[in-house]
Amino acid sequence: MNKLTLAVAASLFAIAGASAHAADLAAGQEAFQKYTCATCHGADGKTSTLPTYPILAGQHADYLVHALKTYKRGQAGAPATANVRKNAVMGAMVQQLSNADIENIAAWLASLPSPLSISK
């Protein structure tokens, strides 16, 4: 009985911990606006101001997280072997973002409809 109680308690803590780390879509939208991402990528994440800027809406969240973190590593001067991206504008922009901001922005962008999303 005691082992069962411990197992249930551990499961509840695991569930609570997982939900605490879940991305917050509203916070992602706020951060996208706060850090002026819309200036280049459009307020909807798919109407970029230049055709060379990527469509972000509908992109996979894990890809967006990875991309933002590689810009951050590139700006921090990590060696090229550390999977970095170098871009003066994006590097400066991502330095302002916390890991939670990155996760939230990526989740919000992934939730948006776009030519990249799959219709169900």
PDB file of N, CA and C in Angstrom:
ATOM      1  N   MET A   1       0.824  -1.208   0.000  1.00  0.00           N
ATOM      2  CA  MET A   1       0.000   0.000   0.000  1.00  0.00           C
ATOM      3  C   MET A   1       0.861   1.262   0.000  1.00  0.00           C
ATOM      4  N   ASN A   2       1.927   1.245   0.783  1.00  0.00           N
ATOM      5  CA  ASN A   2       2.794   2.409   0.884  1.00  0.00           C
ATOM      6  C   ASN A   2       3.483   2.701  -0.454  1.00  0.00           C
ATOM      7  N   LYS A   3       3.893   1.635  -1.184  1.00  0.00           N
ATOM      8  CA  LYS A   3       4.525   1.825  -2.491  1.00  0.00           C
ATOM      9  C   LYS A   3       3.536   2.402  -3.495  1.00  0.00           C
ATOM     10  N   LEU A   4       2.274   1.986  -3.392  1.00  0.00           N
ATOM     11  CA  LEU A   4       1.246   2.506  -4.284  1.00  0.00           C
ATOM     12  C   LEU A   4       1.036   3.999  -4.042  1.00  0.00           C
ATOM     13  N   THR A   5       1.003   4.399  -2.798  1.00  0.00           N
ATOM     14  CA  THR A   5       0.832   5.811  -2.457  1.00  0.00           C
ATOM     15  C   THR A   5       1.996   6.640  -3.008  1.00  0.00           C
ATOM     16  N   LEU A   6       3.215   6.124  -2.852  1.00  0.00           N
ATOM     17  CA  LEU A   6       4.380   6.830  -3.373  1.00  0.00           C
ATOM     18  C   LEU A   6       4.336   6.929  -4.896  1.00  0.00           C
ATOM     19  N   ALA A   7       3.907   5.863  -5.547  1.00  0.00           N
ATOM     20  CA  ALA A   7       3.820   5.871  -7.006  1.00  0.00           C
ATOM     21  C   ALA A   7       2.798   6.893  -7.490  1.00  0.00           C
ATOM     22  N   VAL A   8       1.661   6.964  -6.825  1.00  0.00           N
ATOM     23  CA  VAL A   8       0.626   7.928  -7.201  1.00  0.00           C
ATOM     24  C   VAL A   8       1.129   9.353  -6.963  1.00  0.00           C
ATOM     25  N   ALA A   9       1.782   9.585  -5.839  1.00  0.00           N
ATOM     26  CA  ALA A   9       2.308  10.914  -5.536  1.00  0.00           C
ATOM     27  C   ALA A   9       3.362  11.325  -6.568  1.00  0.00           C
ATOM     28  N   ALA A  10       4.236  10.397  -6.920  1.00  0.00           N
ATOM     29  CA  ALA A  10       5.266  10.699  -7.917  1.00  0.00           C
ATOM     30  C   ALA A  10       4.634  11.017  -9.265  1.00  0.00           C
ATOM     31  N   SER A  11       3.587  10.294  -9.630  1.00  0.00           N
ATOM     32  CA  SER A  11       2.899  10.550 -10.895  1.00  0.00           C
ATOM     33  C   SER A  11       2.273  11.935 -10.903  1.00  0.00           C
ATOM     34  N   LEU A  12       1.661  12.316  -9.805  1.00  0.00           N
ATOM     35  CA  LEU A  12       1.042  13.636  -9.715  1.00  0.00           C
ATOM     36  C   LEU A  12       2.083  14.747  -9.820  1.00  0.00           C
ATOM     37  N   PHE A  13       3.226  14.564  -9.184  1.00  0.00           N
ATOM     38  CA  PHE A  13       4.292  15.563  -9.291  1.00  0.00           C
ATOM     39  C   PHE A  13       4.812  15.642 -10.717  1.00  0.00           C
ATOM     40  N   ALA A  14       4.943  14.510 -11.375  1.00  0.00           N
ATOM     41  CA  ALA A  14       5.418  14.505 -12.761  1.00  0.00           C
ATOM     42  C   ALA A  14       4.439  15.238 -13.662  1.00  0.00           C
ATOM     43  N   ILE A  15       3.150  15.000 -13.481  1.00  0.00           N
ATOM     44  CA  ILE A  15       2.138  15.671 -14.289  1.00  0.00           C
ATOM     45  C   ILE A  15       2.149  17.173 -14.016  1.00  0.00           C
ATOM     46  N   ALA A  16       2.243  17.542 -12.751  1.00  0.00           N
ATOM     47  CA  ALA A  16       2.275  18.964 -12.394  1.00  0.00           C
ATOM     48  C   ALA A  16       3.511  19.635 -12.974  1.00  0.00           C
ATOM     49  N   GLY A  17       4.661  18.956 -12.932  1.00  0.00           N
ATOM     50  CA  GLY A  17       5.889  19.507 -13.488  1.00  0.00           C
ATOM     51  C   GLY A  17       5.801  19.673 -14.986  1.00  0.00           C
ATOM     52  N   ALA A  18       5.204  18.704 -15.668  1.00  0.00           N
ATOM     53  CA  ALA A  18       5.080  18.779 -17.123  1.00  0.00           C
ATOM     54  C   ALA A  18       4.178  19.929 -17.530  1.00  0.00           C
ATOM     55  N   SER A  19       3.088  20.131 -16.812  1.00  0.00           N
ATOM     56  CA  SER A  19       2.183  21.216 -17.176  1.00  0.00           C
ATOM     57  C   SER A  19       2.780  22.578 -16.838  1.00  0.00           C
ATOM     58  N   ALA A  20       3.677  22.623 -15.864  1.00  0.00           N
ATOM     59  CA  ALA A  20       4.333  23.888 -15.524  1.00  0.00           C
ATOM     60  C   ALA A  20       5.285  24.319 -16.637  1.00  0.00           C
ATOM     61  N   HIS A  21       5.796  23.354 -17.401  1.00  0.00           N
ATOM     62  CA  HIS A  21       6.718  23.667 -18.483  1.00  0.00           C
ATOM     63  C   HIS A  21       6.025  23.753 -19.833  1.00  0.00           C
ATOM     64  N   ALA A  22       4.719  23.576 -19.845  1.00  0.00           N
ATOM     65  CA  ALA A  22       3.989  23.660 -21.113  1.00  0.00           C
ATOM     66  C   ALA A  22       4.047  25.090 -21.640  1.00  0.00           C
ATOM     67  N   ALA A  23       4.126  25.194 -22.944  1.00  0.00           N
ATOM     68  CA  ALA A  23       4.209  26.517 -23.561  1.00  0.00           C
ATOM     69  C   ALA A  23       2.909  27.279 -23.374  1.00  0.00           C
ATOM     70  N   ASP A  24       3.027  28.564 -23.244  1.00  0.00           N
ATOM     71  CA  ASP A  24       1.899  29.467 -23.045  1.00  0.00           C
ATOM     72  C   ASP A  24       1.698  30.256 -24.336  1.00  0.00           C
ATOM     73  N   LEU A  25       0.617  29.939 -25.075  1.00  0.00           N
ATOM     74  CA  LEU A  25       0.389  30.573 -26.376  1.00  0.00           C
ATOM     75  C   LEU A  25       0.167  32.079 -26.253  1.00  0.00           C
ATOM     76  N   ALA A  26      -0.586  32.494 -25.247  1.00  0.00           N
ATOM     77  CA  ALA A  26      -0.832  33.935 -25.065  1.00  0.00           C
ATOM     78  C   ALA A  26       0.477  34.663 -24.764  1.00  0.00           C
ATOM     79  N   ALA A  27       1.318  34.056 -23.929  1.00  0.00           N
ATOM     80  CA  ALA A  27       2.614  34.665 -23.629  1.00  0.00           C
ATOM     81  C   ALA A  27       3.496  34.687 -24.867  1.00  0.00           C
ATOM     82  N   GLY A  28       3.370  33.677 -25.721  1.00  0.00           N
ATOM     83  CA  GLY A  28       4.131  33.648 -26.962  1.00  0.00           C
ATOM     84  C   GLY A  28       3.735  34.775 -27.891  1.00  0.00           C
ATOM     85  N   GLN A  29       2.438  35.017 -28.002  1.00  0.00           N
ATOM     86  CA  GLN A  29       1.962  36.110 -28.845  1.00  0.00           C
ATOM     87  C   GLN A  29       2.423  37.456 -28.280  1.00  0.00           C
ATOM     88  N   GLU A  30       2.341  37.601 -26.964  1.00  0.00           N
ATOM     89  CA  GLU A  30       2.800  38.839 -26.323  1.00  0.00           C
ATOM     90  C   GLU A  30       4.289  39.077 -26.562  1.00  0.00           C
ATOM     91  N   ALA A  31       5.091  38.020 -26.411  1.00  0.00           N
ATOM     92  CA  ALA A  31       6.538  38.154 -26.602  1.00  0.00           C
ATOM     93  C   ALA A  31       6.861  38.468 -28.063  1.00  0.00           C
ATOM     94  N   PHE A  32       6.137  37.850 -29.000  1.00  0.00           N
ATOM     95  CA  PHE A  32       6.328  38.121 -30.425  1.00  0.00           C
ATOM     96  C   PHE A  32       6.117  39.606 -30.697  1.00  0.00           C
ATOM     97  N   GLN A  33       5.100  40.182 -30.064  1.00  0.00           N
ATOM     98  CA  GLN A  33       4.817  41.611 -30.240  1.00  0.00           C
ATOM     99  C   GLN A  33       5.822  42.476 -29.479  1.00  0.00           C
ATOM    100  N   LYS A  34       6.118  42.094 -28.248  1.00  0.00           N
ATOM    101  CA  LYS A  34       7.018  42.872 -27.398  1.00  0.00           C
ATOM    102  C   LYS A  34       8.408  43.006 -28.011  1.00  0.00           C
ATOM    103  N   TYR A  35       8.912  41.923 -28.573  1.00  0.00           N
ATOM    104  CA  TYR A  35      10.264  41.935 -29.127  1.00  0.00           C
ATOM    105  C   TYR A  35      10.281  42.280 -30.617  1.00  0.00           C
ATOM    106  N   THR A  36       9.210  42.850 -31.096  1.00  0.00           N
ATOM    107  CA  THR A  36       9.044  43.401 -32.450  1.00  0.00           C
ATOM    108  C   THR A  36       9.389  42.419 -33.574  1.00  0.00           C
ATOM    109  N   CYS A  37       9.067  41.155 -33.374  1.00  0.00           N
ATOM    110  CA  CYS A  37       9.286  40.143 -34.418  1.00  0.00           C
ATOM    111  C   CYS A  37       8.453  40.473 -35.657  1.00  0.00           C
ATOM    112  N   ALA A  38       7.295  41.100 -35.433  1.00  0.00           N
ATOM    113  CA  ALA A  38       6.387  41.423 -36.533  1.00  0.00           C
ATOM    114  C   ALA A  38       6.990  42.435 -37.500  1.00  0.00           C
ATOM    115  N   THR A  39       7.968  43.205 -37.066  1.00  0.00           N
ATOM    116  CA  THR A  39       8.595  44.187 -37.942  1.00  0.00           C
ATOM    117  C   THR A  39       9.113  43.533 -39.217  1.00  0.00           C
ATOM    118  N   CYS A  40       9.675  42.362 -39.102  1.00  0.00           N
ATOM    119  CA  CYS A  40      10.204  41.649 -40.277  1.00  0.00           C
ATOM    120  C   CYS A  40       9.291  40.512 -40.740  1.00  0.00           C
ATOM    121  N   HIS A  41       8.699  39.791 -39.782  1.00  0.00           N
ATOM    122  CA  HIS A  41       7.959  38.569 -40.114  1.00  0.00           C
ATOM    123  C   HIS A  41       6.453  38.779 -40.247  1.00  0.00           C
ATOM    124  N   GLY A  42       5.986  40.000 -40.026  1.00  0.00           N
ATOM    125  CA  GLY A  42       4.556  40.288 -40.118  1.00  0.00           C
ATOM    126  C   GLY A  42       3.833  39.929 -38.830  1.00  0.00           C
ATOM    127  N   ALA A  43       2.774  40.664 -38.529  1.00  0.00           N
ATOM    128  CA  ALA A  43       2.018  40.437 -37.289  1.00  0.00           C
ATOM    129  C   ALA A  43       1.416  39.042 -37.232  1.00  0.00           C
ATOM    130  N   ASP A  44       1.147  38.458 -38.393  1.00  0.00           N
ATOM    131  CA  ASP A  44       0.567  37.124 -38.446  1.00  0.00           C
ATOM    132  C   ASP A  44       1.620  36.031 -38.608  1.00  0.00           C
ATOM    133  N   GLY A  45       2.893  36.408 -38.662  1.00  0.00           N
ATOM    134  CA  GLY A  45       3.971  35.447 -38.802  1.00  0.00           C
ATOM    135  C   GLY A  45       4.113  34.859 -40.196  1.00  0.00           C
ATOM    136  N   LYS A  46       3.279  35.323 -41.120  1.00  0.00           N
ATOM    137  CA  LYS A  46       3.351  34.780 -42.482  1.00  0.00           C
ATOM    138  C   LYS A  46       3.374  35.854 -43.564  1.00  0.00           C
ATOM    139  N   THR A  47       3.321  37.109 -43.165  1.00  0.00           N
ATOM    140  CA  THR A  47       3.349  38.208 -44.127  1.00  0.00           C
ATOM    141  C   THR A  47       4.631  38.997 -43.894  1.00  0.00           C
ATOM    142  N   SER A  48       5.747  38.413 -44.293  1.00  0.00           N
ATOM    143  CA  SER A  48       7.051  39.040 -44.076  1.00  0.00           C
ATOM    144  C   SER A  48       7.180  40.307 -44.899  1.00  0.00           C
ATOM    145  N   THR A  49       7.999  41.230 -44.403  1.00  0.00           N
ATOM    146  CA  THR A  49       8.176  42.500 -45.105  1.00  0.00           C
ATOM    147  C   THR A  49       9.070  42.363 -46.336  1.00  0.00           C
ATOM    148  N   LEU A  50       9.893  41.329 -46.386  1.00  0.00           N
ATOM    149  CA  LEU A  50      10.716  41.039 -47.558  1.00  0.00           C
ATOM    150  C   LEU A  50      10.566  39.561 -47.904  1.00  0.00           C
ATOM    151  N   PRO A  51      10.604  39.227 -49.168  1.00  0.00           N
ATOM    152  CA  PRO A  51      10.426  37.822 -49.550  1.00  0.00           C
ATOM    153  C   PRO A  51      11.535  36.901 -49.038  1.00  0.00           C
ATOM    154  N   THR A  52      12.668  37.465 -48.667  1.00  0.00           N
ATOM    155  CA  THR A  52      13.762  36.636 -48.149  1.00  0.00           C
ATOM    156  C   THR A  52      13.569  36.259 -46.683  1.00  0.00           C
ATOM    157  N   TYR A  53      12.643  36.922 -45.991  1.00  0.00           N
ATOM    158  CA  TYR A  53      12.374  36.589 -44.596  1.00  0.00           C
ATOM    159  C   TYR A  53      11.417  35.403 -44.551  1.00  0.00           C
ATOM    160  N   PRO A  54      11.696  34.430 -43.712  1.00  0.00           N
ATOM    161  CA  PRO A  54      10.880  33.210 -43.731  1.00  0.00           C
ATOM    162  C   PRO A  54       9.483  33.381 -43.140  1.00  0.00           C
ATOM    163  N   ILE A  55       8.577  32.549 -43.617  1.00  0.00           N
ATOM    164  CA  ILE A  55       7.252  32.411 -43.012  1.00  0.00           C
ATOM    165  C   ILE A  55       7.445  31.595 -41.735  1.00  0.00           C
ATOM    166  N   LEU A  56       6.971  32.103 -40.632  1.00  0.00           N
ATOM    167  CA  LEU A  56       7.134  31.412 -39.356  1.00  0.00           C
ATOM    168  C   LEU A  56       5.851  30.729 -38.910  1.00  0.00           C
ATOM    169  N   ALA A  57       4.710  31.299 -39.250  1.00  0.00           N
ATOM    170  CA  ALA A  57       3.424  30.729 -38.839  1.00  0.00           C
ATOM    171  C   ALA A  57       3.284  29.329 -39.425  1.00  0.00           C
ATOM    172  N   GLY A  58       2.855  28.392 -38.598  1.00  0.00           N
ATOM    173  CA  GLY A  58       2.635  27.027 -39.051  1.00  0.00           C
ATOM    174  C   GLY A  58       3.882  26.170 -39.067  1.00  0.00           C
ATOM    175  N   GLN A  59       5.032  26.756 -38.782  1.00  0.00           N
ATOM    176  CA  GLN A  59       6.277  25.988 -38.747  1.00  0.00           C
ATOM    177  C   GLN A  59       6.286  25.114 -37.492  1.00  0.00           C
ATOM    178  N   HIS A  60       7.017  24.021 -37.515  1.00  0.00           N
ATOM    179  CA  HIS A  60       7.102  23.144 -36.343  1.00  0.00           C
ATOM    180  C   HIS A  60       7.762  23.880 -35.183  1.00  0.00           C
ATOM    181  N   ALA A  61       7.167  23.767 -34.002  1.00  0.00           N
ATOM    182  CA  ALA A  61       7.683  24.467 -32.823  1.00  0.00           C
ATOM    183  C   ALA A  61       9.106  24.038 -32.490  1.00  0.00           C
ATOM    184  N   ASP A  62       9.396  22.743 -32.584  1.00  0.00           N
ATOM    185  CA  ASP A  62      10.741  22.296 -32.231  1.00  0.00           C
ATOM    186  C   ASP A  62      11.792  22.861 -33.184  1.00  0.00           C
ATOM    187  N   TYR A  63      11.430  23.026 -34.441  1.00  0.00           N
ATOM    188  CA  TYR A  63      12.353  23.636 -35.404  1.00  0.00           C
ATOM    189  C   TYR A  63      12.599  25.100 -35.045  1.00  0.00           C
ATOM    190  N   LEU A  64      11.534  25.834 -34.711  1.00  0.00           N
ATOM    191  CA  LEU A  64      11.677  27.245 -34.358  1.00  0.00           C
ATOM    192  C   LEU A  64      12.532  27.421 -33.105  1.00  0.00           C
ATOM    193  N   VAL A  65      12.313  26.564 -32.104  1.00  0.00           N
ATOM    194  CA  VAL A  65      13.127  26.619 -30.881  1.00  0.00           C
ATOM    195  C   VAL A  65      14.593  26.399 -31.238  1.00  0.00           C
ATOM    196  N   HIS A  66      14.839  25.378 -32.027  1.00  0.00           N
ATOM    197  CA  HIS A  66      16.223  25.071 -32.433  1.00  0.00           C
ATOM    198  C   HIS A  66      16.850  26.261 -33.177  1.00  0.00           C
ATOM    199  N   ALA A  67      16.115  26.820 -34.124  1.00  0.00           N
ATOM    200  CA  ALA A  67      16.643  27.938 -34.911  1.00  0.00           C
ATOM    201  C   ALA A  67      16.975  29.133 -34.019  1.00  0.00           C
ATOM    202  N   LEU A  68      16.059  29.487 -33.120  1.00  0.00           N
ATOM    203  CA  LEU A  68      16.306  30.638 -32.246  1.00  0.00           C
ATOM    204  C   LEU A  68      17.508  30.406 -31.345  1.00  0.00           C
ATOM    205  N   LYS A  69      17.642  29.184 -30.836  1.00  0.00           N
ATOM    206  CA  LYS A  69      18.779  28.881 -29.957  1.00  0.00           C
ATOM    207  C   LYS A  69      20.099  28.888 -30.725  1.00  0.00           C
ATOM    208  N   THR A  70      20.074  28.490 -32.000  1.00  0.00           N
ATOM    209  CA  THR A  70      21.322  28.536 -32.781  1.00  0.00           C
ATOM    210  C   THR A  70      21.724  29.976 -33.089  1.00  0.00           C
ATOM    211  N   TYR A  71      20.755  30.867 -33.288  1.00  0.00           N
ATOM    212  CA  TYR A  71      21.075  32.289 -33.434  1.00  0.00           C
ATOM    213  C   TYR A  71      21.679  32.827 -32.137  1.00  0.00           C
ATOM    214  N   LYS A  72      21.121  32.395 -31.018  1.00  0.00           N
ATOM    215  CA  LYS A  72      21.613  32.853 -29.720  1.00  0.00           C
ATOM    216  C   LYS A  72      23.059  32.384 -29.503  1.00  0.00           C
ATOM    217  N   ARG A  73      23.344  31.123 -29.837  1.00  0.00           N
ATOM    218  CA  ARG A  73      24.716  30.622 -29.713  1.00  0.00           C
ATOM    219  C   ARG A  73      25.659  31.365 -30.665  1.00  0.00           C
ATOM    220  N   GLY A  74      25.185  31.657 -31.859  1.00  0.00           N
ATOM    221  CA  GLY A  74      26.012  32.392 -32.822  1.00  0.00           C
ATOM    222  C   GLY A  74      26.364  33.775 -32.332  1.00  0.00           C
ATOM    223  N   GLN A  75      25.422  34.440 -31.718  1.00  0.00           N
ATOM    224  CA  GLN A  75      25.654  35.787 -31.186  1.00  0.00           C
ATOM    225  C   GLN A  75      26.589  35.744 -29.988  1.00  0.00           C
ATOM    226  N   ALA A  76      26.540  34.654 -29.238  1.00  0.00           N
ATOM    227  CA  ALA A  76      27.366  34.534 -28.038  1.00  0.00           C
ATOM    228  C   ALA A  76      28.818  34.184 -28.372  1.00  0.00           C
ATOM    229  N   GLY A  77      29.100  33.953 -29.667  1.00  0.00           N
ATOM    230  CA  GLY A  77      30.470  33.670 -30.064  1.00  0.00           C
ATOM    231  C   GLY A  77      30.860  32.208 -29.942  1.00  0.00           C
ATOM    232  N   ALA A  78      29.875  31.325 -29.895  1.00  0.00           N
ATOM    233  CA  ALA A  78      30.183  29.896 -29.837  1.00  0.00           C
ATOM    234  C   ALA A  78      30.918  29.488 -31.108  1.00  0.00           C
ATOM    235  N   PRO A  79      31.793  28.483 -31.020  1.00  0.00           N
ATOM    236  CA  PRO A  79      32.519  28.054 -32.223  1.00  0.00           C
ATOM    237  C   PRO A  79      31.577  27.470 -33.268  1.00  0.00           C
ATOM    238  N   ALA A  80      31.994  27.500 -34.509  1.00  0.00           N
ATOM    239  CA  ALA A  80      31.158  27.018 -35.610  1.00  0.00           C
ATOM    240  C   ALA A  80      30.756  25.561 -35.431  1.00  0.00           C
ATOM    241  N   THR A  81      31.529  24.811 -34.659  1.00  0.00           N
ATOM    242  CA  THR A  81      31.197  23.406 -34.419  1.00  0.00           C
ATOM    243  C   THR A  81      30.042  23.246 -33.443  1.00  0.00           C
ATOM    244  N   ALA A  82      29.554  24.344 -32.865  1.00  0.00           N
ATOM    245  CA  ALA A  82      28.490  24.290 -31.867  1.00  0.00           C
ATOM    246  C   ALA A  82      27.106  24.470 -32.465  1.00  0.00           C
ATOM    247  N   ASN A  83      26.956  24.238 -33.783  1.00  0.00           N
ATOM    248  CA  ASN A  83      25.659  24.389 -34.444  1.00  0.00           C
ATOM    249  C   ASN A  83      25.113  25.795 -34.214  1.00  0.00           C
ATOM    250  N   VAL A  84      25.694  26.745 -34.895  1.00  0.00           N
ATOM    251  CA  VAL A  84      25.338  28.151 -34.733  1.00  0.00           C
ATOM    252  C   VAL A  84      24.793  28.721 -36.033  1.00  0.00           C
ATOM    253  N   ARG A  85      24.059  29.804 -35.906  1.00  0.00           N
ATOM    254  CA  ARG A  85      23.633  30.614 -37.043  1.00  0.00           C
ATOM    255  C   ARG A  85      24.106  32.026 -36.765  1.00  0.00           C
ATOM    256  N   LYS A  86      24.670  32.635 -37.762  1.00  0.00           N
ATOM    257  CA  LYS A  86      25.166  34.000 -37.618  1.00  0.00           C
ATOM    258  C   LYS A  86      24.313  34.930 -38.468  1.00  0.00           C
ATOM    259  N   ASN A  87      23.677  35.876 -37.826  1.00  0.00           N
ATOM    260  CA  ASN A  87      22.905  36.915 -38.495  1.00  0.00           C
ATOM    261  C   ASN A  87      22.840  38.077 -37.521  1.00  0.00           C
ATOM    262  N   ALA A  88      23.306  39.232 -37.933  1.00  0.00           N
ATOM    263  CA  ALA A  88      23.403  40.371 -37.018  1.00  0.00           C
ATOM    264  C   ALA A  88      22.057  40.764 -36.424  1.00  0.00           C
ATOM    265  N   VAL A  89      21.017  40.797 -37.243  1.00  0.00           N
ATOM    266  CA  VAL A  89      19.700  41.213 -36.752  1.00  0.00           C
ATOM    267  C   VAL A  89      19.106  40.146 -35.833  1.00  0.00           C
ATOM    268  N   MET A  90      19.043  38.915 -36.314  1.00  0.00           N
ATOM    269  CA  MET A  90      18.436  37.852 -35.499  1.00  0.00           C
ATOM    270  C   MET A  90      19.258  37.583 -34.241  1.00  0.00           C
ATOM    271  N   GLY A  91      20.576  37.650 -34.359  1.00  0.00           N
ATOM    272  CA  GLY A  91      21.421  37.439 -33.187  1.00  0.00           C
ATOM    273  C   GLY A  91      21.142  38.456 -32.093  1.00  0.00           C
ATOM    274  N   ALA A  92      20.994  39.707 -32.483  1.00  0.00           N
ATOM    275  CA  ALA A  92      20.692  40.762 -31.499  1.00  0.00           C
ATOM    276  C   ALA A  92      19.296  40.583 -30.914  1.00  0.00           C
ATOM    277  N   MET A  93      18.353  40.170 -31.754  1.00  0.00           N
ATOM    278  CA  MET A  93      16.969  40.015 -31.275  1.00  0.00           C
ATOM    279  C   MET A  93      16.857  38.881 -30.256  1.00  0.00           C
ATOM    280  N   VAL A  94      17.470  37.741 -30.529  1.00  0.00           N
ATOM    281  CA  VAL A  94      17.287  36.580 -29.644  1.00  0.00           C
ATOM    282  C   VAL A  94      18.020  36.725 -28.327  1.00  0.00           C
ATOM    283  N   GLN A  95      19.002  37.593 -28.267  1.00  0.00           N
ATOM    284  CA  GLN A  95      19.705  37.785 -26.995  1.00  0.00           C
ATOM    285  C   GLN A  95      18.766  38.296 -25.912  1.00  0.00           C
ATOM    286  N   GLN A  96      17.693  38.951 -26.307  1.00  0.00           N
ATOM    287  CA  GLN A  96      16.718  39.480 -25.356  1.00  0.00           C
ATOM    288  C   GLN A  96      15.781  38.401 -24.816  1.00  0.00           C
ATOM    289  N   LEU A  97      15.704  37.260 -25.509  1.00  0.00           N
ATOM    290  CA  LEU A  97      14.707  36.247 -25.187  1.00  0.00           C
ATOM    291  C   LEU A  97      15.203  35.261 -24.135  1.00  0.00           C
ATOM    292  N   SER A  98      14.324  34.959 -23.184  1.00  0.00           N
ATOM    293  CA  SER A  98      14.605  33.881 -22.238  1.00  0.00           C
ATOM    294  C   SER A  98      14.238  32.555 -22.902  1.00  0.00           C
ATOM    295  N   ASN A  99      14.616  31.453 -22.296  1.00  0.00           N
ATOM    296  CA  ASN A  99      14.230  30.148 -22.836  1.00  0.00           C
ATOM    297  C   ASN A  99      12.713  30.001 -22.852  1.00  0.00           C
ATOM    298  N   ALA A 100      12.030  30.541 -21.842  1.00  0.00           N
ATOM    299  CA  ALA A 100      10.560  30.481 -21.815  1.00  0.00           C
ATOM    300  C   ALA A 100       9.976  31.297 -22.964  1.00  0.00           C
ATOM    301  N   ASP A 101      10.545  32.468 -23.233  1.00  0.00           N
ATOM    302  CA  ASP A 101      10.085  33.272 -24.370  1.00  0.00           C
ATOM    303  C   ASP A 101      10.220  32.482 -25.668  1.00  0.00           C
ATOM    304  N   ILE A 102      11.359  31.845 -25.845  1.00  0.00           N
ATOM    305  CA  ILE A 102      11.609  31.076 -27.065  1.00  0.00           C
ATOM    306  C   ILE A 102      10.579  29.956 -27.204  1.00  0.00           C
ATOM    307  N   GLU A 103      10.347  29.210 -26.140  1.00  0.00           N
ATOM    308  CA  GLU A 103       9.370  28.109 -26.171  1.00  0.00           C
ATOM    309  C   GLU A 103       7.967  28.644 -26.464  1.00  0.00           C
ATOM    310  N   ASN A 104       7.596  29.732 -25.825  1.00  0.00           N
ATOM    311  CA  ASN A 104       6.253  30.292 -25.994  1.00  0.00           C
ATOM    312  C   ASN A 104       6.041  30.865 -27.394  1.00  0.00           C
ATOM    313  N   ILE A 105       7.017  31.598 -27.895  1.00  0.00           N
ATOM    314  CA  ILE A 105       6.906  32.157 -29.244  1.00  0.00           C
ATOM    315  C   ILE A 105       6.803  31.034 -30.260  1.00  0.00           C
ATOM    316  N   ALA A 106       7.638  30.023 -30.116  1.00  0.00           N
ATOM    317  CA  ALA A 106       7.622  28.894 -31.051  1.00  0.00           C
ATOM    318  C   ALA A 106       6.276  28.176 -31.022  1.00  0.00           C
ATOM    319  N   ALA A 107       5.731  27.961 -29.842  1.00  0.00           N
ATOM    320  CA  ALA A 107       4.433  27.276 -29.734  1.00  0.00           C
ATOM    321  C   ALA A 107       3.323  28.114 -30.354  1.00  0.00           C
ATOM    322  N   TRP A 108       3.352  29.431 -30.106  1.00  0.00           N
ATOM    323  CA  TRP A 108       2.315  30.289 -30.676  1.00  0.00           C
ATOM    324  C   TRP A 108       2.398  30.301 -32.200  1.00  0.00           C
ATOM    325  N   LEU A 109       3.591  30.464 -32.740  1.00  0.00           N
ATOM    326  CA  LEU A 109       3.753  30.473 -34.190  1.00  0.00           C
ATOM    327  C   LEU A 109       3.316  29.141 -34.806  1.00  0.00           C
ATOM    328  N   ALA A 110       3.658  28.045 -34.153  1.00  0.00           N
ATOM    329  CA  ALA A 110       3.278  26.720 -34.665  1.00  0.00           C
ATOM    330  C   ALA A 110       1.768  26.527 -34.674  1.00  0.00           C
ATOM    331  N   SER A 111       1.076  27.220 -33.789  1.00  0.00           N
ATOM    332  CA  SER A 111      -0.380  27.070 -33.694  1.00  0.00           C
ATOM    333  C   SER A 111      -1.139  27.858 -34.764  1.00  0.00           C
ATOM    334  N   LEU A 112      -0.441  28.746 -35.471  1.00  0.00           N
ATOM    335  CA  LEU A 112      -1.091  29.615 -36.435  1.00  0.00           C
ATOM    336  C   LEU A 112      -1.301  28.918 -37.788  1.00  0.00           C
ATOM    337  N   PRO A 113      -2.418  29.213 -38.439  1.00  0.00           N
ATOM    338  CA  PRO A 113      -2.614  28.660 -39.796  1.00  0.00           C
ATOM    339  C   PRO A 113      -1.707  29.373 -40.786  1.00  0.00           C
ATOM    340  N   SER A 114      -1.247  28.648 -41.772  1.00  0.00           N
ATOM    341  CA  SER A 114      -0.413  29.235 -42.811  1.00  0.00           C
ATOM    342  C   SER A 114      -0.270  28.255 -43.952  1.00  0.00           C
ATOM    343  N   PRO A 115       0.403  28.675 -45.017  1.00  0.00           N
ATOM    344  CA  PRO A 115       0.655  27.745 -46.115  1.00  0.00           C
ATOM    345  C   PRO A 115       1.509  26.555 -45.676  1.00  0.00           C
ATOM    346  N   LEU A 116       2.217  26.684 -44.539  1.00  0.00           N
ATOM    347  CA  LEU A 116       3.043  25.595 -44.044  1.00  0.00           C
ATOM    348  C   LEU A 116       2.250  24.567 -43.248  1.00  0.00           C
ATOM    349  N   SER A 117       1.053  24.940 -42.771  1.00  0.00           N
ATOM    350  CA  SER A 117       0.290  24.034 -41.924  1.00  0.00           C
ATOM    351  C   SER A 117      -0.496  23.033 -42.774  1.00  0.00           C
ATOM    352  N   ILE A 118      -0.820  21.940 -42.135  1.00  0.00           N
ATOM    353  CA  ILE A 118      -1.581  20.881 -42.796  1.00  0.00           C
ATOM    354  C   ILE A 118      -3.042  21.032 -42.395  1.00  0.00           C
ATOM    355  N   SER A 119      -3.916  21.114 -43.365  1.00  0.00           N
ATOM    356  CA  SER A 119      -5.356  21.243 -43.080  1.00  0.00           C
ATOM    357  C   SER A 119      -5.887  19.885 -42.655  1.00  0.00           C
ATOM    358  N   LYS A 120      -6.710  19.884 -41.640  1.00  0.00           N
ATOM    359  CA  LYS A 120      -7.323  18.627 -41.168  1.00  0.00           C
ATOM    360  C   LYS A 120      -8.813  18.660 -41.390  1.00  0.00           C
TER     361      LYS A 120
END
